[in-house]
Every structure is written in C-alpha cells, then in structure tokens.
Protein backbone atom coordinates (compact mmCIF):
# COMPACT_ATOMS: atom_id res chain seq x y z
CA MET A 1 -7.79 -7.34 -9.27
CA ALA A 2 -9.13 -4.83 -6.64
CA ARG A 3 -7.37 -4.19 -3.28
CA GLU A 4 -8.92 -3.64 0.01
CA VAL A 5 -6.01 -1.41 1.99
CA THR A 6 -7.24 0.08 5.57
CA HIS A 7 -5.95 3.09 6.17
CA THR A 8 -5.35 4.96 9.29
CA ALA A 9 -4.01 8.78 8.49
CA ARG A 10 -6.73 11.55 8.83
CA GLY A 11 -4.89 14.42 7.42
CA PRO A 12 -2.52 16.07 4.58
CA LEU A 13 0.91 15.17 5.11
CA LYS A 14 3.29 18.09 3.64
CA ILE A 15 6.34 16.97 1.60
CA ASP A 16 9.12 18.61 0.83
CA GLU A 17 12.96 18.92 0.61
CA SER A 18 13.70 16.81 3.22
CA ASP A 19 11.81 14.20 1.63
CA LEU A 20 13.92 13.48 -1.07
CA ASP A 21 16.06 10.46 -1.08
CA ASP A 22 20.05 11.48 -1.22
CA GLU A 23 20.72 8.35 -3.03
CA LYS A 24 18.37 8.84 -5.75
CA GLY A 25 17.00 12.24 -5.51
CA ASP A 26 13.02 11.95 -5.07
CA VAL A 27 10.58 10.96 -3.55
CA ALA A 28 8.42 7.79 -4.36
CA ILE A 29 4.80 8.07 -3.09
CA CYS A 30 3.03 4.56 -2.10
CA LEU A 31 -0.11 4.53 -4.48
CA CYS A 32 -0.70 0.48 -3.15
CA GLY A 33 -1.83 1.61 0.33
CA LEU A 34 0.76 -1.59 1.89
CA SER A 35 3.73 0.56 2.41
CA ARG A 36 5.02 0.22 6.15
CA GLU A 37 6.47 3.82 5.68
CA TYR A 38 3.24 5.15 4.35
CA PRO A 39 3.08 7.65 2.68
CA PHE A 40 6.54 6.96 1.13
CA CYS A 41 6.59 3.55 -1.41
CA ASP A 42 8.73 0.81 0.24
CA GLY A 43 8.93 -1.36 -2.56
CA SER A 44 6.15 -3.81 -0.72
CA HIS A 45 3.78 -3.50 -3.75
CA ARG A 46 5.78 -6.35 -5.13
CA VAL A 47 3.86 -8.80 -3.13
CA THR A 48 0.95 -8.17 -5.84
CA GLU A 49 2.81 -9.43 -8.93
CA ASP A 50 0.75 -12.72 -8.85
CA GLU A 51 -2.46 -11.06 -7.89
CA GLU A 52 -5.54 -12.83 -10.35
CA ALA A 53 -7.52 -10.70 -12.56
CA GLY A 54 -11.16 -10.00 -11.14
CA VAL A 55 -10.18 -11.03 -7.78
CA ARG A 56 -10.33 -9.19 -4.51
CA TYR A 57 -7.59 -8.87 -1.49
CA LYS A 58 -7.23 -7.84 1.72
CA TYR A 59 -3.31 -7.79 2.59
CA GLU A 60 -3.08 -8.48 6.34
CA ASP A 61 -0.63 -5.85 8.47
CA ASP A 62 2.26 -7.73 9.14
CA PRO A 63 5.73 -8.66 8.24
CA ASP A 64 5.18 -11.50 6.07
CA GLY A 65 2.38 -9.41 3.77
CA GLU A 66 -0.20 -12.13 3.99
CA ARG A 67 -3.13 -11.86 1.64
CA ARG A 68 -6.51 -13.14 2.02
CA VAL A 69 -9.27 -13.51 -0.74
CA ILE A 70 -12.26 -11.55 -0.04
CA GLU A 71 -15.10 -13.30 -1.57
CA ASP A 72 -18.00 -10.99 -0.73
CA VAL A 73 -17.97 -6.51 0.46
CA VAL A 74 -21.10 -6.06 2.86
CA LEU A 75 -21.96 -2.45 3.89
CA LYS A 76 -23.72 -1.67 6.72
C-alpha cells in the first residue's frame, strides 16, 4: 500500500501543554496525512482500512474521503 498525500504546511508547528486532549490527557499526531485537523489525528485514517497491498492511492480532500487508484507516478 502507498498513499500520495499533498501537504500545504511549510514550517514547523510547536506543540505544547495547550494541545493536550482534556479527556484523554494526550496528543495524537497524524502520521497518515489525511487528517483535516493536521497535524493532529482526527481518525481519518479509518478510511484506509480496506486498502490493498501493492496499490497506490490518492485521497481527495473532501468530506467523503473519496480515493482514486494511481496507476503511474510521473516526475517531471
């Protein structure tokens, strides 16, 4: 499985005590790149549970999390 994710952030984000979840007492950082609350995890990774091994996906930035299979990656 592979994922193409487009990031728009261009700099670091400092995380401090104010970022702690009051209920859970922790901070969950997004590693999949799909979170709408990036860099914090919002559970968006759940849409990837049925990905097939060896397939590259592009997830569209929309509320439905629509995805496309990427056949070829071309670098220019």
